[in-house]
PDB file of N, CA and C in Angstrom:
ATOM      1  N   UNK A   1     -25.259  23.228   3.915  1.00  0.00           N
ATOM      2  CA  UNK A   1     -24.770  22.155   4.767  1.00  0.00           C
ATOM      3  C   UNK A   1     -23.630  21.394   4.090  1.00  0.00           C
ATOM      4  N   UNK A   2     -23.824  20.983   2.851  1.00  0.00           N
ATOM      5  CA  UNK A   2     -22.791  20.247   2.134  1.00  0.00           C
ATOM      6  C   UNK A   2     -21.536  21.097   1.960  1.00  0.00           C
ATOM      7  N   UNK A   3     -21.727  22.378   1.696  1.00  0.00           N
ATOM      8  CA  UNK A   3     -20.580  23.268   1.519  1.00  0.00           C
ATOM      9  C   UNK A   3     -19.744  23.339   2.793  1.00  0.00           C
ATOM     10  N   UNK A   4     -20.397  23.359   3.948  1.00  0.00           N
ATOM     11  CA  UNK A   4     -19.651  23.391   5.216  1.00  0.00           C
ATOM     12  C   UNK A   4     -18.849  22.118   5.401  1.00  0.00           C
ATOM     13  N   UNK A   5     -19.431  20.980   5.058  1.00  0.00           N
ATOM     14  CA  UNK A   5     -18.703  19.711   5.175  1.00  0.00           C
ATOM     15  C   UNK A   5     -17.500  19.699   4.245  1.00  0.00           C
ATOM     16  N   UNK A   6     -17.694  20.180   3.033  1.00  0.00           N
ATOM     17  CA  UNK A   6     -16.588  20.236   2.070  1.00  0.00           C
ATOM     18  C   UNK A   6     -15.506  21.174   2.576  1.00  0.00           C
ATOM     19  N   UNK A   7     -15.906  22.341   3.046  1.00  0.00           N
ATOM     20  CA  UNK A   7     -14.936  23.314   3.559  1.00  0.00           C
ATOM     21  C   UNK A   7     -14.146  22.747   4.730  1.00  0.00           C
ATOM     22  N   UNK A   8     -14.814  22.028   5.636  1.00  0.00           N
ATOM     23  CA  UNK A   8     -14.108  21.428   6.783  1.00  0.00           C
ATOM     24  C   UNK A   8     -13.127  20.360   6.311  1.00  0.00           C
ATOM     25  N   UNK A   9     -13.536  19.586   5.321  1.00  0.00           N
ATOM     26  CA  UNK A   9     -12.643  18.545   4.798  1.00  0.00           C
ATOM     27  C   UNK A   9     -11.430  19.174   4.120  1.00  0.00           C
ATOM     28  N   UNK A  10     -11.643  20.216   3.339  1.00  0.00           N
ATOM     29  CA  UNK A  10     -10.522  20.906   2.683  1.00  0.00           C
ATOM     30  C   UNK A  10      -9.595  21.534   3.714  1.00  0.00           C
ATOM     31  N   UNK A  11     -10.169  22.098   4.771  1.00  0.00           N
ATOM     32  CA  UNK A  11      -9.355  22.667   5.860  1.00  0.00           C
ATOM     33  C   UNK A  11      -8.524  21.590   6.537  1.00  0.00           C
ATOM     34  N   UNK A  12      -9.110  20.415   6.734  1.00  0.00           N
ATOM     35  CA  UNK A  12      -8.388  19.311   7.359  1.00  0.00           C
ATOM     36  C   UNK A  12      -7.231  18.859   6.472  1.00  0.00           C
ATOM     37  N   UNK A  13      -7.446  18.825   5.168  1.00  0.00           N
ATOM     38  CA  UNK A  13      -6.368  18.431   4.255  1.00  0.00           C
ATOM     39  C   UNK A  13      -5.240  19.463   4.291  1.00  0.00           C
ATOM     40  N   UNK A  14      -5.584  20.731   4.350  1.00  0.00           N
ATOM     41  CA  UNK A  14      -4.557  21.779   4.430  1.00  0.00           C
ATOM     42  C   UNK A  14      -3.799  21.683   5.757  1.00  0.00           C
ATOM     43  N   UNK A  15      -4.512  21.419   6.836  1.00  0.00           N
ATOM     44  CA  UNK A  15      -3.858  21.274   8.143  1.00  0.00           C
ATOM     45  C   UNK A  15      -2.912  20.079   8.132  1.00  0.00           C
ATOM     46  N   UNK A  16      -3.327  19.026   7.473  1.00  0.00           N
ATOM     47  CA  UNK A  16      -2.478  17.835   7.344  1.00  0.00           C
ATOM     48  C   UNK A  16      -1.170  18.208   6.655  1.00  0.00           C
ATOM     49  N   UNK A  17      -1.271  18.942   5.567  1.00  0.00           N
ATOM     50  CA  UNK A  17      -0.055  19.349   4.846  1.00  0.00           C
ATOM     51  C   UNK A  17       0.830  20.245   5.696  1.00  0.00           C
ATOM     52  N   UNK A  18       0.232  21.030   6.563  1.00  0.00           N
ATOM     53  CA  UNK A  18       1.008  21.926   7.424  1.00  0.00           C
ATOM     54  C   UNK A  18       1.694  21.185   8.563  1.00  0.00           C
ATOM     55  N   UNK A  19       1.028  20.166   9.115  1.00  0.00           N
ATOM     56  CA  UNK A  19       1.503  19.552  10.355  1.00  0.00           C
ATOM     57  C   UNK A  19       2.261  18.247  10.186  1.00  0.00           C
ATOM     58  N   UNK A  20       1.923  17.484   9.175  1.00  0.00           N
ATOM     59  CA  UNK A  20       2.548  16.164   9.016  1.00  0.00           C
ATOM     60  C   UNK A  20       4.061  16.242   8.771  1.00  0.00           C
ATOM     61  N   UNK A  21       4.566  17.219   8.017  1.00  0.00           N
ATOM     62  CA  UNK A  21       6.021  17.261   7.838  1.00  0.00           C
ATOM     63  C   UNK A  21       6.794  17.338   9.164  1.00  0.00           C
ATOM     64  N   UNK A  22       6.279  18.059  10.127  1.00  0.00           N
ATOM     65  CA  UNK A  22       6.950  18.138  11.429  1.00  0.00           C
ATOM     66  C   UNK A  22       6.922  16.786  12.126  1.00  0.00           C
ATOM     67  N   UNK A  23       5.842  16.072  11.997  1.00  0.00           N
ATOM     68  CA  UNK A  23       5.747  14.733  12.584  1.00  0.00           C
ATOM     69  C   UNK A  23       6.693  13.770  11.884  1.00  0.00           C
ATOM     70  N   UNK A  24       6.782  13.895  10.583  1.00  0.00           N
ATOM     71  CA  UNK A  24       7.651  13.004   9.808  1.00  0.00           C
ATOM     72  C   UNK A  24       9.113  13.186  10.199  1.00  0.00           C
ATOM     73  N   UNK A  25       9.502  14.392  10.598  1.00  0.00           N
ATOM     74  CA  UNK A  25      10.888  14.668  10.997  1.00  0.00           C
ATOM     75  C   UNK A  25      11.310  13.898  12.245  1.00  0.00           C
ATOM     76  N   UNK A  26      10.350  13.430  13.017  1.00  0.00           N
ATOM     77  CA  UNK A  26      10.658  12.697  14.245  1.00  0.00           C
ATOM     78  C   UNK A  26      11.253  11.328  13.922  1.00  0.00           C
ATOM     79  N   UNK A  27      10.871  10.761  12.788  1.00  0.00           N
ATOM     80  CA  UNK A  27      11.266   9.400  12.421  1.00  0.00           C
ATOM     81  C   UNK A  27      12.409   9.403  11.402  1.00  0.00           C
ATOM     82  N   UNK A  28      13.184   8.320  11.413  1.00  0.00           N
ATOM     83  CA  UNK A  28      14.228   8.156  10.397  1.00  0.00           C
ATOM     84  C   UNK A  28      13.584   8.180   9.021  1.00  0.00           C
ATOM     85  N   UNK A  29      14.305   8.653   8.034  1.00  0.00           N
ATOM     86  CA  UNK A  29      13.759   8.803   6.688  1.00  0.00           C
ATOM     87  C   UNK A  29      13.292   7.482   6.090  1.00  0.00           C
ATOM     88  N   UNK A  30      13.935   6.393   6.450  1.00  0.00           N
ATOM     89  CA  UNK A  30      13.568   5.101   5.862  1.00  0.00           C
ATOM     90  C   UNK A  30      12.677   4.251   6.775  1.00  0.00           C
ATOM     91  N   UNK A  31      12.194   4.846   7.849  1.00  0.00           N
ATOM     92  CA  UNK A  31      11.357   4.089   8.786  1.00  0.00           C
ATOM     93  C   UNK A  31       9.949   3.902   8.202  1.00  0.00           C
ATOM     94  N   UNK A  32       9.258   2.866   8.621  1.00  0.00           N
ATOM     95  CA  UNK A  32       7.881   2.657   8.142  1.00  0.00           C
ATOM     96  C   UNK A  32       6.972   3.851   8.465  1.00  0.00           C
ATOM     97  N   UNK A  33       7.195   4.475   9.611  1.00  0.00           N
ATOM     98  CA  UNK A  33       6.375   5.626  10.000  1.00  0.00           C
ATOM     99  C   UNK A  33       6.591   6.802   9.059  1.00  0.00           C
ATOM    100  N   UNK A  34       7.846   7.092   8.778  1.00  0.00           N
ATOM    101  CA  UNK A  34       8.158   8.195   7.875  1.00  0.00           C
ATOM    102  C   UNK A  34       7.627   7.935   6.471  1.00  0.00           C
ATOM    103  N   UNK A  35       7.776   6.700   6.001  1.00  0.00           N
ATOM    104  CA  UNK A  35       7.277   6.347   4.673  1.00  0.00           C
ATOM    105  C   UNK A  35       5.751   6.442   4.615  1.00  0.00           C
ATOM    106  N   UNK A  36       5.078   6.038   5.677  1.00  0.00           N
ATOM    107  CA  UNK A  36       3.621   6.134   5.722  1.00  0.00           C
ATOM    108  C   UNK A  36       3.167   7.592   5.709  1.00  0.00           C
ATOM    109  N   UNK A  37       3.868   8.433   6.453  1.00  0.00           N
ATOM    110  CA  UNK A  37       3.516   9.846   6.482  1.00  0.00           C
ATOM    111  C   UNK A  37       3.784  10.507   5.131  1.00  0.00           C
ATOM    112  N   UNK A  38       4.851  10.108   4.459  1.00  0.00           N
ATOM    113  CA  UNK A  38       5.127  10.629   3.116  1.00  0.00           C
ATOM    114  C   UNK A  38       4.015  10.212   2.153  1.00  0.00           C
ATOM    115  N   UNK A  39       3.555   8.976   2.275  1.00  0.00           N
ATOM    116  CA  UNK A  39       2.450   8.507   1.440  1.00  0.00           C
ATOM    117  C   UNK A  39       1.178   9.295   1.725  1.00  0.00           C
ATOM    118  N   UNK A  40       0.960   9.606   2.984  1.00  0.00           N
ATOM    119  CA  UNK A  40      -0.204  10.406   3.359  1.00  0.00           C
ATOM    120  C   UNK A  40      -0.163  11.770   2.683  1.00  0.00           C
ATOM    121  N   UNK A  41       0.995  12.421   2.737  1.00  0.00           N
ATOM    122  CA  UNK A  41       1.117  13.732   2.098  1.00  0.00           C
ATOM    123  C   UNK A  41       0.908  13.645   0.587  1.00  0.00           C
ATOM    124  N   UNK A  42       1.436  12.600  -0.034  1.00  0.00           N
ATOM    125  CA  UNK A  42       1.233  12.418  -1.477  1.00  0.00           C
ATOM    126  C   UNK A  42      -0.242  12.219  -1.788  1.00  0.00           C
ATOM    127  N   UNK A  43      -0.945  11.463  -0.959  1.00  0.00           N
ATOM    128  CA  UNK A  43      -2.372  11.228  -1.180  1.00  0.00           C
ATOM    129  C   UNK A  43      -3.172  12.518  -1.032  1.00  0.00           C
ATOM    130  N   UNK A  44      -2.816  13.320  -0.054  1.00  0.00           N
ATOM    131  CA  UNK A  44      -3.514  14.601   0.137  1.00  0.00           C
ATOM    132  C   UNK A  44      -3.279  15.504  -1.072  1.00  0.00           C
ATOM    133  N   UNK A  45      -2.040  15.561  -1.542  1.00  0.00           N
ATOM    134  CA  UNK A  45      -1.736  16.384  -2.715  1.00  0.00           C
ATOM    135  C   UNK A  45      -2.501  15.897  -3.944  1.00  0.00           C
ATOM    136  N   UNK A  46      -2.551  14.580  -4.130  1.00  0.00           N
ATOM    137  CA  UNK A  46      -3.292  13.994  -5.252  1.00  0.00           C
ATOM    138  C   UNK A  46      -4.776  14.339  -5.165  1.00  0.00           C
ATOM    139  N   UNK A  47      -5.331  14.207  -3.984  1.00  0.00           N
ATOM    140  CA  UNK A  47      -6.749  14.508  -3.777  1.00  0.00           C
ATOM    141  C   UNK A  47      -7.032  15.983  -4.060  1.00  0.00           C
ATOM    142  N   UNK A  48      -6.154  16.851  -3.610  1.00  0.00           N
ATOM    143  CA  UNK A  48      -6.359  18.275  -3.858  1.00  0.00           C
ATOM    144  C   UNK A  48      -6.325  18.588  -5.349  1.00  0.00           C
ATOM    145  N   UNK A  49      -5.394  17.963  -6.069  1.00  0.00           N
ATOM    146  CA  UNK A  49      -5.333  18.192  -7.521  1.00  0.00           C
ATOM    147  C   UNK A  49      -6.617  17.738  -8.205  1.00  0.00           C
ATOM    148  N   UNK A  50      -7.102  16.566  -7.826  1.00  0.00           N
ATOM    149  CA  UNK A  50      -8.328  16.048  -8.437  1.00  0.00           C
ATOM    150  C   UNK A  50      -9.512  16.949  -8.104  1.00  0.00           C
ATOM    151  N   UNK A  51      -9.600  17.367  -6.857  1.00  0.00           N
ATOM    152  CA  UNK A  51     -10.716  18.237  -6.450  1.00  0.00           C
ATOM    153  C   UNK A  51     -10.672  19.586  -7.155  1.00  0.00           C
ATOM    154  N   UNK A  52      -9.477  20.004  -7.557  1.00  0.00           N
ATOM    155  CA  UNK A  52      -9.333  21.271  -8.279  1.00  0.00           C
ATOM    156  C   UNK A  52      -9.511  21.071  -9.788  1.00  0.00           C
ATOM    157  N   UNK A  53      -9.743  19.814 -10.204  1.00  0.00           N
ATOM    158  CA  UNK A  53      -9.996  19.555 -11.608  1.00  0.00           C
ATOM    159  C   UNK A  53      -8.759  19.280 -12.432  1.00  0.00           C
ATOM    160  N   UNK A  54      -7.623  19.096 -11.795  1.00  0.00           N
ATOM    161  CA  UNK A  54      -6.366  18.838 -12.508  1.00  0.00           C
ATOM    162  C   UNK A  54      -6.130  17.331 -12.593  1.00  0.00           C
ATOM    163  N   UNK A  55      -6.950  16.647 -13.385  1.00  0.00           N
ATOM    164  CA  UNK A  55      -6.850  15.191 -13.478  1.00  0.00           C
ATOM    165  C   UNK A  55      -5.685  14.734 -14.342  1.00  0.00           C
ATOM    166  N   UNK A  56      -5.154  15.597 -15.196  1.00  0.00           N
ATOM    167  CA  UNK A  56      -4.043  15.201 -16.067  1.00  0.00           C
ATOM    168  C   UNK A  56      -2.791  14.871 -15.260  1.00  0.00           C
ATOM    169  N   UNK A  57      -2.564  15.579 -14.159  1.00  0.00           N
ATOM    170  CA  UNK A  57      -1.332  15.363 -13.369  1.00  0.00           C
ATOM    171  C   UNK A  57      -1.479  14.208 -12.388  1.00  0.00           C
ATOM    172  N   UNK A  58      -2.635  13.557 -12.330  1.00  0.00           N
ATOM    173  CA  UNK A  58      -2.814  12.452 -11.382  1.00  0.00           C
ATOM    174  C   UNK A  58      -2.543  11.107 -12.022  1.00  0.00           C
ATOM    175  N   UNK A  59      -2.358  11.078 -13.328  1.00  0.00           N
ATOM    176  CA  UNK A  59      -2.111   9.800 -14.007  1.00  0.00           C
ATOM    177  C   UNK A  59      -0.713   9.301 -13.649  1.00  0.00           C
ATOM    178  N   UNK A  60      -0.605   7.972 -13.455  1.00  0.00           N
ATOM    179  CA  UNK A  60       0.713   7.374 -13.209  1.00  0.00           C
ATOM    180  C   UNK A  60       0.996   7.208 -11.834  1.00  0.00           C
TER     181      UNK A  60
END
């Protein structure tokens, strides 16, 4: 059961990385929406690194 929840969450994070860039293109680069979406992608990437055990690259 827990593995399925984890797998669904990881799939959702991958889907986010696939789809959010197209959404971000709709907004001006300096718009609050675009900046928020960029932050979202950075957070997903950070979370994936931590979940994969790469804590050294998350500092800073």
